Amino acid sequence: MMKWLVVIIFIAMLGYLFEQRRHIKFLKQANYNQETRHIMTDHKVFLLKHQIGTYVYSLETLGYSQDKMNKGDYTRHEPSPEKLQALYAEFQKKESIYRSKNIQFETELELRGVE
């Protein structure tokens, strides 16, 4: 009788260990998926901010001010060539950052195996 009890306890312990391993594997996969979602969400936020910045650049290039438009003043003021050059230099810098972030995002997803 004692041998049967020891065998039953041993089998129960093995079952418990296998269940714990399965649960750990599930939690690791869930954590991995959550990290991937966070990476994708952060990139979407970055893309939206870049898009807003591009719209602001377009408005300023055309002679409008976002701050004045928010206050209801839609008058157009022709920007000076120096101002246009400064705007373009800033835009190029932001575009470079955008491209490098985009490459970094695509590489990170590729390393994670996401298509």
Protein backbone atom coordinates (compact mmCIF):
# COMPACT_ATOMS: atom_id res chain seq x y z
CA MET A 1 0.00 0.00 0.00
CA MET A 2 2.85 2.37 0.85
CA LYS A 3 4.47 1.74 -2.55
CA TRP A 4 1.27 2.72 -4.35
CA LEU A 5 1.01 5.93 -2.35
CA VAL A 6 4.62 6.85 -3.16
CA VAL A 7 4.03 6.10 -6.88
CA ILE A 8 0.85 8.20 -6.96
CA ILE A 9 2.60 11.14 -5.22
CA PHE A 10 5.56 10.81 -7.60
CA ILE A 11 3.27 10.84 -10.67
CA ALA A 12 1.36 13.83 -9.26
CA MET A 13 4.63 15.72 -8.71
CA LEU A 14 5.75 14.98 -12.28
CA GLY A 15 2.40 16.21 -13.61
CA TYR A 16 2.70 19.36 -11.51
CA LEU A 17 6.25 20.03 -12.81
CA PHE A 18 5.18 19.58 -16.44
CA GLU A 19 2.21 21.90 -15.90
CA GLN A 20 4.48 24.56 -14.37
CA ARG A 21 6.88 24.32 -17.33
CA ARG A 22 3.96 24.73 -19.73
CA HIS A 23 2.68 27.72 -17.75
CA ILE A 24 6.15 29.36 -17.74
CA LYS A 25 6.39 28.89 -21.51
CA PHE A 26 2.94 30.47 -21.93
CA LEU A 27 3.89 33.46 -19.75
CA LYS A 28 7.13 34.00 -21.68
CA GLN A 29 5.19 34.01 -24.97
CA ALA A 30 2.57 36.39 -23.55
CA ASN A 31 5.35 38.74 -22.34
CA TYR A 32 7.06 38.58 -25.74
CA ASN A 33 3.79 39.42 -27.52
CA GLN A 34 3.12 42.31 -25.14
CA GLU A 35 6.61 43.74 -25.72
CA THR A 36 6.05 43.51 -29.47
CA ARG A 37 2.72 45.35 -29.14
CA HIS A 38 4.42 48.08 -27.08
CA ILE A 39 7.11 48.49 -29.74
CA MET A 40 4.46 48.79 -32.46
CA THR A 41 2.36 51.24 -30.42
CA ASP A 42 5.39 53.44 -29.66
CA HIS A 43 6.25 53.50 -33.36
CA LYS A 44 2.69 54.49 -34.30
CA VAL A 45 2.84 57.38 -31.81
CA PHE A 46 6.19 58.43 -33.30
CA LEU A 47 4.69 58.32 -36.82
CA LEU A 48 1.74 60.47 -35.76
CA LYS A 49 4.03 63.04 -34.16
CA HIS A 50 6.15 63.10 -37.32
CA GLN A 51 3.05 63.56 -39.46
CA ILE A 52 1.89 66.47 -37.30
CA GLY A 53 5.36 68.00 -37.55
CA THR A 54 5.22 67.68 -41.33
CA TYR A 55 1.85 69.46 -41.41
CA VAL A 56 3.21 72.25 -39.21
CA TYR A 57 6.23 72.57 -41.53
CA SER A 58 3.90 72.77 -44.55
CA LEU A 59 1.81 75.48 -42.90
CA GLU A 60 4.86 77.53 -41.95
CA THR A 61 6.34 77.14 -45.44
CA LEU A 62 3.11 78.47 -46.93
CA GLY A 63 3.18 81.42 -44.54
CA TYR A 64 0.67 80.35 -41.90
CA SER A 65 1.28 79.96 -38.18
CA GLN A 66 -0.24 77.09 -36.27
CA ASP A 67 -0.43 79.14 -33.08
CA LYS A 68 -2.25 81.97 -34.85
CA MET A 69 -4.58 79.53 -36.59
CA ASN A 70 -5.49 78.02 -33.22
CA LYS A 71 -6.48 81.52 -32.11
CA GLY A 72 -8.61 82.05 -35.23
CA ASP A 73 -6.17 84.23 -37.23
CA TYR A 74 -5.87 82.76 -40.73
CA THR A 75 -3.85 85.57 -42.30
CA ARG A 76 -0.92 84.59 -44.47
CA HIS A 77 2.49 86.16 -43.91
CA GLU A 78 5.11 85.54 -46.58
CA PRO A 79 8.14 83.94 -44.87
CA SER A 80 11.56 85.38 -45.55
CA PRO A 81 14.13 83.34 -47.51
CA GLU A 82 16.20 82.96 -44.32
CA LYS A 83 13.16 81.64 -42.45
CA LEU A 84 12.42 79.21 -45.30
CA GLN A 85 16.01 78.01 -45.29
CA ALA A 86 15.93 77.47 -41.51
CA LEU A 87 12.61 75.62 -41.81
CA TYR A 88 14.01 73.40 -44.55
CA ALA A 89 17.16 72.62 -42.56
CA GLU A 90 15.06 71.66 -39.53
CA PHE A 91 12.78 69.57 -41.74
CA GLN A 92 15.76 67.71 -43.23
CA LYS A 93 17.08 66.98 -39.75
CA LYS A 94 13.70 65.60 -38.64
CA GLU A 95 13.40 63.53 -41.84
CA SER A 96 16.80 61.98 -41.15
CA ILE A 97 15.70 61.06 -37.63
CA TYR A 98 12.45 59.67 -39.05
CA ARG A 99 14.27 57.46 -41.54
CA SER A 100 16.69 56.09 -38.94
CA LYS A 101 13.84 55.38 -36.49
CA ASN A 102 11.89 53.65 -39.26
CA ILE A 103 14.88 51.46 -40.15
CA GLN A 104 15.41 50.67 -36.45
CA PHE A 105 11.72 49.71 -36.10
CA GLU A 106 11.76 47.47 -39.17
CA THR A 107 14.97 45.78 -38.01
CA GLU A 108 13.56 45.20 -34.53
CA LEU A 109 10.40 43.63 -35.94
CA GLU A 110 12.45 41.50 -38.32
CA LEU A 111 14.56 40.24 -35.40
CA ARG A 112 11.37 39.39 -33.52
CA GLY A 113 10.07 37.45 -36.52
CA VAL A 114 7.09 39.75 -37.17
CA GLU A 115 6.21 40.27 -40.82
